[in-house]
Amino acid sequence: MIRIADQKIKDMGYTSGLNQPYAGSIVPAAFYRKDCRVTSIMVEVNRKLYMDEMTGVKKDTFESTRKNIQTILSLFKEFQHLYGFRL
Protein backbone atom coordinates (compact mmCIF):
# COMPACT_ATOMS: atom_id res chain seq x y z
CA MET A 1 0.00 0.00 0.00
CA ILE A 2 2.79 2.41 0.89
CA ARG A 3 4.63 1.74 -2.38
CA ILE A 4 1.46 2.28 -4.42
CA ALA A 5 0.64 5.55 -2.65
CA ASP A 6 4.25 6.73 -2.87
CA GLN A 7 4.33 6.13 -6.62
CA LYS A 8 0.99 7.87 -7.15
CA ILE A 9 2.23 10.89 -5.17
CA LYS A 10 5.36 11.04 -7.33
CA ASP A 11 3.29 10.61 -10.51
CA MET A 12 1.32 13.71 -9.42
CA GLY A 13 4.56 15.67 -9.31
CA TYR A 14 4.98 15.79 -5.54
CA THR A 15 7.79 14.49 -3.38
CA SER A 16 7.22 12.06 -0.54
CA GLY A 17 9.11 10.52 2.30
CA LEU A 18 8.49 7.67 4.68
CA ASN A 19 8.59 8.66 8.35
CA GLN A 20 9.87 12.16 7.63
CA PRO A 21 9.62 14.66 9.07
CA TYR A 22 7.67 12.57 11.60
CA ALA A 23 7.58 8.84 12.28
CA GLY A 24 4.54 6.76 13.12
CA SER A 25 0.92 7.80 13.32
CA ILE A 26 -1.70 8.65 15.89
CA VAL A 27 -4.03 5.90 17.08
CA PRO A 28 -6.75 6.56 19.69
CA ALA A 29 -5.72 5.18 23.08
CA ALA A 30 -8.86 3.02 23.23
CA PHE A 31 -7.47 0.93 20.34
CA TYR A 32 -3.68 1.26 20.71
CA ARG A 33 -2.20 -2.23 21.18
CA LYS A 34 -5.63 -3.54 22.19
CA ASP A 35 -7.09 -4.61 18.86
CA CYS A 36 -4.77 -6.13 16.24
CA ARG A 37 -7.29 -5.27 13.50
CA VAL A 38 -6.61 -1.57 13.95
CA THR A 39 -4.19 -0.15 11.39
CA SER A 40 -3.14 3.43 10.92
CA ILE A 41 -1.45 5.67 8.39
CA MET A 42 -0.69 9.37 8.69
CA VAL A 43 -0.36 11.65 5.69
CA GLU A 44 1.32 15.04 6.15
CA VAL A 45 0.61 17.72 3.55
CA ASN A 46 2.81 20.80 3.31
CA ARG A 47 0.59 23.90 3.63
CA LYS A 48 2.77 25.73 1.13
CA LEU A 49 1.11 23.60 -1.54
CA TYR A 50 -2.32 25.16 -1.06
CA MET A 51 -2.11 28.33 1.03
CA ASP A 52 -0.08 31.46 1.67
CA GLU A 53 1.26 30.72 5.14
CA MET A 54 1.73 34.40 5.97
CA THR A 55 -1.86 35.43 5.22
CA GLY A 56 -3.75 32.13 5.45
CA VAL A 57 -5.32 32.82 2.03
CA LYS A 58 -5.92 29.83 -0.24
CA LYS A 59 -3.69 29.67 -3.31
CA ASP A 60 -4.97 28.97 -6.81
CA THR A 61 -3.61 25.43 -6.29
CA PHE A 62 -5.98 24.73 -3.38
CA GLU A 63 -8.63 22.84 -5.36
CA SER A 64 -6.17 20.73 -7.36
CA THR A 65 -4.29 19.86 -4.15
CA ARG A 66 -7.57 18.87 -2.47
CA LYS A 67 -8.47 16.63 -5.41
CA ASN A 68 -5.04 15.00 -5.40
CA ILE A 69 -5.28 14.27 -1.68
CA GLN A 70 -8.72 12.76 -2.24
CA THR A 71 -7.24 10.53 -4.95
CA ILE A 72 -4.60 9.25 -2.53
CA LEU A 73 -7.24 8.58 0.13
CA SER A 74 -9.28 6.69 -2.46
CA LEU A 75 -6.26 4.47 -3.14
CA PHE A 76 -6.19 3.52 0.55
CA LYS A 77 -9.89 2.69 0.46
CA GLU A 78 -9.46 0.60 -2.69
CA PHE A 79 -6.54 -1.26 -1.11
CA GLN A 80 -8.71 -1.91 1.94
CA HIS A 81 -11.47 -3.45 -0.17
CA LEU A 82 -9.07 -5.55 -2.25
CA TYR A 83 -7.00 -6.93 0.61
CA GLY A 84 -9.38 -6.78 3.57
CA PHE A 85 -7.41 -4.32 5.68
CA ARG A 86 -9.29 -2.01 7.96
CA LEU A 87 -8.27 1.62 7.46
PDB file of N, CA and C in Angstrom:
ATOM      1  N   MET A   1       0.819  -1.177   0.000  1.00  0.00           N
ATOM      2  CA  MET A   1       0.000   0.000   0.000  1.00  0.00           C
ATOM      3  C   MET A   1       0.874   1.257   0.000  1.00  0.00           C
ATOM      4  N   ILE A   2       1.905   1.246   0.805  1.00  0.00           N
ATOM      5  CA  ILE A   2       2.786   2.409   0.889  1.00  0.00           C
ATOM      6  C   ILE A   2       3.478   2.652  -0.447  1.00  0.00           C
ATOM      7  N   ARG A   3       3.959   1.593  -1.081  1.00  0.00           N
ATOM      8  CA  ARG A   3       4.627   1.741  -2.381  1.00  0.00           C
ATOM      9  C   ARG A   3       3.681   2.292  -3.447  1.00  0.00           C
ATOM     10  N   ILE A   4       2.444   1.809  -3.447  1.00  0.00           N
ATOM     11  CA  ILE A   4       1.459   2.280  -4.421  1.00  0.00           C
ATOM     12  C   ILE A   4       1.167   3.761  -4.203  1.00  0.00           C
ATOM     13  N   ALA A   5       0.922   4.151  -2.964  1.00  0.00           N
ATOM     14  CA  ALA A   5       0.636   5.554  -2.651  1.00  0.00           C
ATOM     15  C   ALA A   5       1.842   6.433  -2.969  1.00  0.00           C
ATOM     16  N   ASP A   6       3.033   5.970  -2.613  1.00  0.00           N
ATOM     17  CA  ASP A   6       4.247   6.734  -2.875  1.00  0.00           C
ATOM     18  C   ASP A   6       4.423   6.990  -4.366  1.00  0.00           C
ATOM     19  N   GLN A   7       4.191   5.967  -5.178  1.00  0.00           N
ATOM     20  CA  GLN A   7       4.335   6.126  -6.624  1.00  0.00           C
ATOM     21  C   GLN A   7       3.285   7.091  -7.172  1.00  0.00           C
ATOM     22  N   LYS A   8       2.054   6.979  -6.692  1.00  0.00           N
ATOM     23  CA  LYS A   8       0.987   7.874  -7.155  1.00  0.00           C
ATOM     24  C   LYS A   8       1.316   9.319  -6.801  1.00  0.00           C
ATOM     25  N   ILE A   9       1.832   9.550  -5.609  1.00  0.00           N
ATOM     26  CA  ILE A   9       2.225  10.893  -5.174  1.00  0.00           C
ATOM     27  C   ILE A   9       3.306  11.435  -6.106  1.00  0.00           C
ATOM     28  N   LYS A  10       4.283  10.619  -6.424  1.00  0.00           N
ATOM     29  CA  LYS A  10       5.356  11.042  -7.329  1.00  0.00           C
ATOM     30  C   LYS A  10       4.826  11.275  -8.739  1.00  0.00           C
ATOM     31  N   ASP A  11       3.892  10.428  -9.188  1.00  0.00           N
ATOM     32  CA  ASP A  11       3.285  10.610 -10.506  1.00  0.00           C
ATOM     33  C   ASP A  11       2.534  11.942 -10.594  1.00  0.00           C
ATOM     34  N   MET A  12       2.032  12.424  -9.470  1.00  0.00           N
ATOM     35  CA  MET A  12       1.321  13.705  -9.424  1.00  0.00           C
ATOM     36  C   MET A  12       2.283  14.899  -9.396  1.00  0.00           C
ATOM     37  N   GLY A  13       3.575  14.606  -9.309  1.00  0.00           N
ATOM     38  CA  GLY A  13       4.565  15.674  -9.313  1.00  0.00           C
ATOM     39  C   GLY A  13       5.015  16.139  -7.943  1.00  0.00           C
ATOM     40  N   TYR A  14       4.588  15.437  -6.898  1.00  0.00           N
ATOM     41  CA  TYR A  14       4.980  15.792  -5.538  1.00  0.00           C
ATOM     42  C   TYR A  14       6.173  14.944  -5.106  1.00  0.00           C
ATOM     43  N   THR A  15       6.769  15.319  -4.006  1.00  0.00           N
ATOM     44  CA  THR A  15       7.791  14.492  -3.379  1.00  0.00           C
ATOM     45  C   THR A  15       7.157  13.831  -2.158  1.00  0.00           C
ATOM     46  N   SER A  16       7.731  12.733  -1.724  1.00  0.00           N
ATOM     47  CA  SER A  16       7.217  12.062  -0.538  1.00  0.00           C
ATOM     48  C   SER A  16       8.376  11.458   0.231  1.00  0.00           C
ATOM     49  N   GLY A  17       8.118  11.159   1.469  1.00  0.00           N
ATOM     50  CA  GLY A  17       9.115  10.518   2.305  1.00  0.00           C
ATOM     51  C   GLY A  17       8.427   9.650   3.334  1.00  0.00           C
ATOM     52  N   LEU A  18       9.042   8.572   3.674  1.00  0.00           N
ATOM     53  CA  LEU A  18       8.495   7.673   4.677  1.00  0.00           C
ATOM     54  C   LEU A  18       9.079   8.026   6.042  1.00  0.00           C
ATOM     55  N   ASN A  19       8.207   8.302   6.982  1.00  0.00           N
ATOM     56  CA  ASN A  19       8.593   8.657   8.352  1.00  0.00           C
ATOM     57  C   ASN A  19       9.462   9.907   8.427  1.00  0.00           C
ATOM     58  N   GLN A  20       9.199  10.873   7.535  1.00  0.00           N
ATOM     59  CA  GLN A  20       9.870  12.158   7.628  1.00  0.00           C
ATOM     60  C   GLN A  20       8.883  13.265   7.268  1.00  0.00           C
ATOM     61  N   PRO A  21       8.768  14.284   7.939  1.00  0.00           N
ATOM     62  CA  PRO A  21       9.615  14.660   9.074  1.00  0.00           C
ATOM     63  C   PRO A  21       9.225  13.978  10.379  1.00  0.00           C
ATOM     64  N   TYR A  22       8.119  13.236  10.386  1.00  0.00           N
ATOM     65  CA  TYR A  22       7.668  12.566  11.603  1.00  0.00           C
ATOM     66  C   TYR A  22       7.577  11.070  11.349  1.00  0.00           C
ATOM     67  N   ALA A  23       7.701  10.290  12.403  1.00  0.00           N
ATOM     68  CA  ALA A  23       7.581   8.838  12.282  1.00  0.00           C
ATOM     69  C   ALA A  23       6.331   8.369  13.015  1.00  0.00           C
ATOM     70  N   GLY A  24       5.703   7.344  12.469  1.00  0.00           N
ATOM     71  CA  GLY A  24       4.542   6.765  13.124  1.00  0.00           C
ATOM     72  C   GLY A  24       3.259   7.496  12.787  1.00  0.00           C
ATOM     73  N   SER A  25       2.217   7.167  13.510  1.00  0.00           N
ATOM     74  CA  SER A  25       0.917   7.800  13.322  1.00  0.00           C
ATOM     75  C   SER A  25       0.192   7.851  14.658  1.00  0.00           C
ATOM     76  N   ILE A  26      -0.933   8.497  14.661  1.00  0.00           N
ATOM     77  CA  ILE A  26      -1.704   8.652  15.893  1.00  0.00           C
ATOM     78  C   ILE A  26      -2.859   7.654  15.874  1.00  0.00           C
ATOM     79  N   VAL A  27      -2.950   6.864  16.923  1.00  0.00           N
ATOM     80  CA  VAL A  27      -4.029   5.900  17.082  1.00  0.00           C
ATOM     81  C   VAL A  27      -4.727   6.219  18.403  1.00  0.00           C
ATOM     82  N   PRO A  28      -6.051   6.301  18.422  1.00  0.00           N
ATOM     83  CA  PRO A  28      -6.751   6.561  19.686  1.00  0.00           C
ATOM     84  C   PRO A  28      -6.366   5.552  20.762  1.00  0.00           C
ATOM     85  N   ALA A  29      -6.171   6.025  21.971  1.00  0.00           N
ATOM     86  CA  ALA A  29      -5.718   5.178  23.077  1.00  0.00           C
ATOM     87  C   ALA A  29      -6.626   3.978  23.312  1.00  0.00           C
ATOM     88  N   ALA A  30      -7.920   4.125  23.025  1.00  0.00           N
ATOM     89  CA  ALA A  30      -8.855   3.020  23.235  1.00  0.00           C
ATOM     90  C   ALA A  30      -8.528   1.807  22.366  1.00  0.00           C
ATOM     91  N   PHE A  31      -7.795   2.016  21.265  1.00  0.00           N
ATOM     92  CA  PHE A  31      -7.475   0.935  20.344  1.00  0.00           C
ATOM     93  C   PHE A  31      -5.996   0.572  20.321  1.00  0.00           C
ATOM     94  N   TYR A  32      -5.125   1.454  20.805  1.00  0.00           N
ATOM     95  CA  TYR A  32      -3.683   1.255  20.709  1.00  0.00           C
ATOM     96  C   TYR A  32      -3.261  -0.017  21.430  1.00  0.00           C
ATOM     97  N   ARG A  33      -2.692  -0.941  20.674  1.00  0.00           N
ATOM     98  CA  ARG A  33      -2.199  -2.230  21.177  1.00  0.00           C
ATOM     99  C   ARG A  33      -3.280  -3.060  21.875  1.00  0.00           C
ATOM    100  N   LYS A  34      -4.537  -2.789  21.577  1.00  0.00           N
ATOM    101  CA  LYS A  34      -5.630  -3.540  22.193  1.00  0.00           C
ATOM    102  C   LYS A  34      -6.420  -4.339  21.166  1.00  0.00           C
ATOM    103  N   ASP A  35      -6.337  -3.940  19.905  1.00  0.00           N
ATOM    104  CA  ASP A  35      -7.090  -4.612  18.857  1.00  0.00           C
ATOM    105  C   ASP A  35      -6.187  -4.719  17.640  1.00  0.00           C
ATOM    106  N   CYS A  36      -5.737  -5.931  17.328  1.00  0.00           N
ATOM    107  CA  CYS A  36      -4.773  -6.125  16.245  1.00  0.00           C
ATOM    108  C   CYS A  36      -5.356  -5.796  14.873  1.00  0.00           C
ATOM    109  N   ARG A  37      -6.677  -5.625  14.775  1.00  0.00           N
ATOM    110  CA  ARG A  37      -7.294  -5.267  13.498  1.00  0.00           C
ATOM    111  C   ARG A  37      -7.131  -3.785  13.169  1.00  0.00           C
ATOM    112  N   VAL A  38      -6.738  -3.011  14.151  1.00  0.00           N
ATOM    113  CA  VAL A  38      -6.606  -1.567  13.950  1.00  0.00           C
ATOM    114  C   VAL A  38      -5.289  -1.270  13.251  1.00  0.00           C
ATOM    115  N   THR A  39      -5.380  -0.593  12.103  1.00  0.00           N
ATOM    116  CA  THR A  39      -4.194  -0.147  11.387  1.00  0.00           C
ATOM    117  C   THR A  39      -4.276   1.363  11.238  1.00  0.00           C
ATOM    118  N   SER A  40      -3.149   1.974  10.969  1.00  0.00           N
ATOM    119  CA  SER A  40      -3.138   3.430  10.917  1.00  0.00           C
ATOM    120  C   SER A  40      -2.085   3.913   9.930  1.00  0.00           C
ATOM    121  N   ILE A  41      -2.403   5.002   9.264  1.00  0.00           N
ATOM    122  CA  ILE A  41      -1.450   5.667   8.390  1.00  0.00           C
ATOM    123  C   ILE A  41      -1.670   7.169   8.544  1.00  0.00           C
ATOM    124  N   MET A  42      -0.596   7.925   8.565  1.00  0.00           N
ATOM    125  CA  MET A  42      -0.694   9.375   8.687  1.00  0.00           C
ATOM    126  C   MET A  42      -0.103  10.004   7.438  1.00  0.00           C
ATOM    127  N   VAL A  43      -0.821  10.932   6.876  1.00  0.00           N
ATOM    128  CA  VAL A  43      -0.358  11.652   5.691  1.00  0.00           C
ATOM    129  C   VAL A  43      -0.175  13.112   6.076  1.00  0.00           C
ATOM    130  N   GLU A  44       1.012  13.626   5.878  1.00  0.00           N
ATOM    131  CA  GLU A  44       1.318  15.036   6.149  1.00  0.00           C
ATOM    132  C   GLU A  44       1.335  15.782   4.821  1.00  0.00           C
ATOM    133  N   VAL A  45       0.654  16.908   4.766  1.00  0.00           N
ATOM    134  CA  VAL A  45       0.608  17.719   3.551  1.00  0.00           C
ATOM    135  C   VAL A  45       1.190  19.094   3.871  1.00  0.00           C
ATOM    136  N   ASN A  46       2.171  19.508   3.114  1.00  0.00           N
ATOM    137  CA  ASN A  46       2.810  20.803   3.310  1.00  0.00           C
ATOM    138  C   ASN A  46       1.832  21.922   2.929  1.00  0.00           C
ATOM    139  N   ARG A  47       1.541  22.805   3.877  1.00  0.00           N
ATOM    140  CA  ARG A  47       0.590  23.899   3.627  1.00  0.00           C
ATOM    141  C   ARG A  47       1.011  24.811   2.491  1.00  0.00           C
ATOM    142  N   LYS A  48       2.289  24.881   2.228  1.00  0.00           N
ATOM    143  CA  LYS A  48       2.774  25.732   1.130  1.00  0.00           C
ATOM    144  C   LYS A  48       2.168  25.324  -0.212  1.00  0.00           C
ATOM    145  N   LEU A  49       1.703  24.076  -0.302  1.00  0.00           N
ATOM    146  CA  LEU A  49       1.109  23.600  -1.543  1.00  0.00           C
ATOM    147  C   LEU A  49      -0.221  24.278  -1.861  1.00  0.00           C
ATOM    148  N   TYR A  50      -0.958  24.682  -0.836  1.00  0.00           N
ATOM    149  CA  TYR A  50      -2.319  25.158  -1.062  1.00  0.00           C
ATOM    150  C   TYR A  50      -2.680  26.487  -0.411  1.00  0.00           C
ATOM    151  N   MET A  51      -1.762  27.082   0.377  1.00  0.00           N
ATOM    152  CA  MET A  51      -2.109  28.331   1.035  1.00  0.00           C
ATOM    153  C   MET A  51      -0.887  29.204   1.265  1.00  0.00           C
ATOM    154  N   ASP A  52      -1.119  30.503   1.298  1.00  0.00           N
ATOM    155  CA  ASP A  52      -0.082  31.461   1.671  1.00  0.00           C
ATOM    156  C   ASP A  52       0.021  31.412   3.186  1.00  0.00           C
ATOM    157  N   GLU A  53       1.128  30.909   3.693  1.00  0.00           N
ATOM    158  CA  GLU A  53       1.262  30.717   5.140  1.00  0.00           C
ATOM    159  C   GLU A  53       1.314  32.025   5.921  1.00  0.00           C
ATOM    160  N   MET A  54       1.686  33.101   5.283  1.00  0.00           N
ATOM    161  CA  MET A  54       1.730  34.398   5.969  1.00  0.00           C
ATOM    162  C   MET A  54       0.328  34.985   6.155  1.00  0.00           C
ATOM    163  N   THR A  55      -0.536  34.815   5.160  1.00  0.00           N
ATOM    164  CA  THR A  55      -1.864  35.431   5.220  1.00  0.00           C
ATOM    165  C   THR A  55      -2.975  34.431   5.504  1.00  0.00           C
ATOM    166  N   GLY A  56      -2.726  33.151   5.271  1.00  0.00           N
ATOM    167  CA  GLY A  56      -3.752  32.133   5.448  1.00  0.00           C
ATOM    168  C   GLY A  56      -4.720  32.046   4.279  1.00  0.00           C
ATOM    169  N   VAL A  57      -4.445  32.790   3.207  1.00  0.00           N
ATOM    170  CA  VAL A  57      -5.317  32.817   2.035  1.00  0.00           C
ATOM    171  C   VAL A  57      -5.013  31.603   1.147  1.00  0.00           C
ATOM    172  N   LYS A  58      -6.083  30.975   0.660  1.00  0.00           N
ATOM    173  CA  LYS A  58      -5.917  29.834  -0.243  1.00  0.00           C
ATOM    174  C   LYS A  58      -5.234  30.284  -1.528  1.00  0.00           C
ATOM    175  N   LYS A  59      -4.331  29.431  -2.016  1.00  0.00           N
ATOM    176  CA  LYS A  59      -3.689  29.668  -3.310  1.00  0.00           C
ATOM    177  C   LYS A  59      -4.585  29.132  -4.424  1.00  0.00           C
ATOM    178  N   ASP A  60      -4.244  29.488  -5.649  1.00  0.00           N
ATOM    179  CA  ASP A  60      -4.966  28.966  -6.807  1.00  0.00           C
ATOM    180  C   ASP A  60      -4.854  27.447  -6.905  1.00  0.00           C
ATOM    181  N   THR A  61      -3.852  26.884  -6.252  1.00  0.00           N
ATOM    182  CA  THR A  61      -3.614  25.435  -6.291  1.00  0.00           C
ATOM    183  C   THR A  61      -4.438  24.672  -5.249  1.00  0.00           C
ATOM    184  N   PHE A  62      -5.233  25.389  -4.452  1.00  0.00           N
ATOM    185  CA  PHE A  62      -5.981  24.727  -3.377  1.00  0.00           C
ATOM    186  C   PHE A  62      -6.853  23.584  -3.890  1.00  0.00           C
ATOM    187  N   GLU A  63      -7.669  23.850  -4.888  1.00  0.00           N
ATOM    188  CA  GLU A  63      -8.626  22.844  -5.361  1.00  0.00           C
ATOM    189  C   GLU A  63      -7.918  21.640  -5.978  1.00  0.00           C
ATOM    190  N   SER A  64      -6.878  21.869  -6.761  1.00  0.00           N
ATOM    191  CA  SER A  64      -6.168  20.730  -7.357  1.00  0.00           C
ATOM    192  C   SER A  64      -5.458  19.909  -6.275  1.00  0.00           C
ATOM    193  N   THR A  65      -4.934  20.574  -5.256  1.00  0.00           N
ATOM    194  CA  THR A  65      -4.292  19.858  -4.153  1.00  0.00           C
ATOM    195  C   THR A  65      -5.323  19.029  -3.404  1.00  0.00           C
ATOM    196  N   ARG A  66      -6.490  19.600  -3.152  1.00  0.00           N
ATOM    197  CA  ARG A  66      -7.567  18.872  -2.471  1.00  0.00           C
ATOM    198  C   ARG A  66      -7.957  17.623  -3.264  1.00  0.00           C
ATOM    199  N   LYS A  67      -8.095  17.771  -4.566  1.00  0.00           N
ATOM    200  CA  LYS A  67      -8.471  16.633  -5.407  1.00  0.00           C
ATOM    201  C   LYS A  67      -7.391  15.557  -5.405  1.00  0.00           C
ATOM    202  N   ASN A  68      -6.139  15.969  -5.433  1.00  0.00           N
ATOM    203  CA  ASN A  68      -5.040  14.999  -5.405  1.00  0.00           C
ATOM    204  C   ASN A  68      -4.997  14.237  -4.083  1.00  0.00           C
ATOM    205  N   ILE A  69      -5.238  14.937  -2.984  1.00  0.00           N
ATOM    206  CA  ILE A  69      -5.278  14.269  -1.679  1.00  0.00           C
ATOM    207  C   ILE A  69      -6.427  13.272  -1.649  1.00  0.00           C
ATOM    208  N   GLN A  70      -7.568  13.665  -2.186  1.00  0.00           N
ATOM    209  CA  GLN A  70      -8.719  12.763  -2.241  1.00  0.00           C
ATOM    210  C   GLN A  70      -8.398  11.517  -3.061  1.00  0.00           C
ATOM    211  N   THR A  71      -7.651  11.677  -4.132  1.00  0.00           N
ATOM    212  CA  THR A  71      -7.237  10.535  -4.953  1.00  0.00           C
ATOM    213  C   THR A  71      -6.388   9.566  -4.141  1.00  0.00           C
ATOM    214  N   ILE A  72      -5.456  10.101  -3.368  1.00  0.00           N
ATOM    215  CA  ILE A  72      -4.598   9.250  -2.527  1.00  0.00           C
ATOM    216  C   ILE A  72      -5.448   8.514  -1.489  1.00  0.00           C
ATOM    217  N   LEU A  73      -6.368   9.221  -0.859  1.00  0.00           N
ATOM    218  CA  LEU A  73      -7.240   8.583   0.130  1.00  0.00           C
ATOM    219  C   LEU A  73      -8.096   7.487  -0.514  1.00  0.00           C
ATOM    220  N   SER A  74      -8.509   7.706  -1.735  1.00  0.00           N
ATOM    221  CA  SER A  74      -9.284   6.695  -2.460  1.00  0.00           C
ATOM    222  C   SER A  74      -8.453   5.443  -2.719  1.00  0.00           C
ATOM    223  N   LEU A  75      -7.155   5.632  -2.968  1.00  0.00           N
ATOM    224  CA  LEU A  75      -6.263   4.474  -3.139  1.00  0.00           C
ATOM    225  C   LEU A  75      -6.241   3.621  -1.878  1.00  0.00           C
ATOM    226  N   PHE A  76      -6.195   4.260  -0.716  1.00  0.00           N
ATOM    227  CA  PHE A  76      -6.192   3.519   0.546  1.00  0.00           C
ATOM    228  C   PHE A  76      -7.491   2.729   0.697  1.00  0.00           C
ATOM    229  N   LYS A  77      -8.599   3.365   0.350  1.00  0.00           N
ATOM    230  CA  LYS A  77      -9.893   2.694   0.462  1.00  0.00           C
ATOM    231  C   LYS A  77      -9.971   1.507  -0.502  1.00  0.00           C
ATOM    232  N   GLU A  78      -9.476   1.685  -1.714  1.00  0.00           N
ATOM    233  CA  GLU A  78      -9.458   0.598  -2.695  1.00  0.00           C
ATOM    234  C   GLU A  78      -8.593  -0.562  -2.201  1.00  0.00           C
ATOM    235  N   PHE A  79      -7.438  -0.247  -1.657  1.00  0.00           N
ATOM    236  CA  PHE A  79      -6.539  -1.261  -1.108  1.00  0.00           C
ATOM    237  C   PHE A  79      -7.252  -2.027   0.009  1.00  0.00           C
ATOM    238  N   GLN A  80      -7.964  -1.305   0.844  1.00  0.00           N
ATOM    239  CA  GLN A  80      -8.711  -1.913   1.944  1.00  0.00           C
ATOM    240  C   GLN A  80      -9.726  -2.926   1.411  1.00  0.00           C
ATOM    241  N   HIS A  81     -10.463  -2.559   0.395  1.00  0.00           N
ATOM    242  CA  HIS A  81     -11.474  -3.449  -0.173  1.00  0.00           C
ATOM    243  C   HIS A  81     -10.839  -4.668  -0.848  1.00  0.00           C
ATOM    244  N   LEU A  82      -9.727  -4.453  -1.535  1.00  0.00           N
ATOM    245  CA  LEU A  82      -9.070  -5.549  -2.246  1.00  0.00           C
ATOM    246  C   LEU A  82      -8.414  -6.569  -1.308  1.00  0.00           C
ATOM    247  N   TYR A  83      -7.806  -6.055  -0.247  1.00  0.00           N
ATOM    248  CA  TYR A  83      -6.998  -6.928   0.612  1.00  0.00           C
ATOM    249  C   TYR A  83      -7.562  -7.132   2.010  1.00  0.00           C
ATOM    250  N   GLY A  84      -8.702  -6.523   2.298  1.00  0.00           N
ATOM    251  CA  GLY A  84      -9.375  -6.778   3.571  1.00  0.00           C
ATOM    252  C   GLY A  84      -8.788  -6.070   4.767  1.00  0.00           C
ATOM    253  N   PHE A  85      -7.949  -5.077   4.557  1.00  0.00           N
ATOM    254  CA  PHE A  85      -7.412  -4.322   5.678  1.00  0.00           C
ATOM    255  C   PHE A  85      -8.428  -3.299   6.139  1.00  0.00           C
ATOM    256  N   ARG A  86      -8.447  -3.061   7.426  1.00  0.00           N
ATOM    257  CA  ARG A  86      -9.294  -2.005   7.964  1.00  0.00           C
ATOM    258  C   ARG A  86      -8.477  -0.737   8.047  1.00  0.00           C
ATOM    259  N   LEU A  87      -8.953   0.319   7.414  1.00  0.00           N
ATOM    260  CA  LEU A  87      -8.272   1.617   7.459  1.00  0.00           C
ATOM    261  C   LEU A  87      -9.136   2.620   8.161  1.00  0.00           C
TER     262      LEU A  87
END
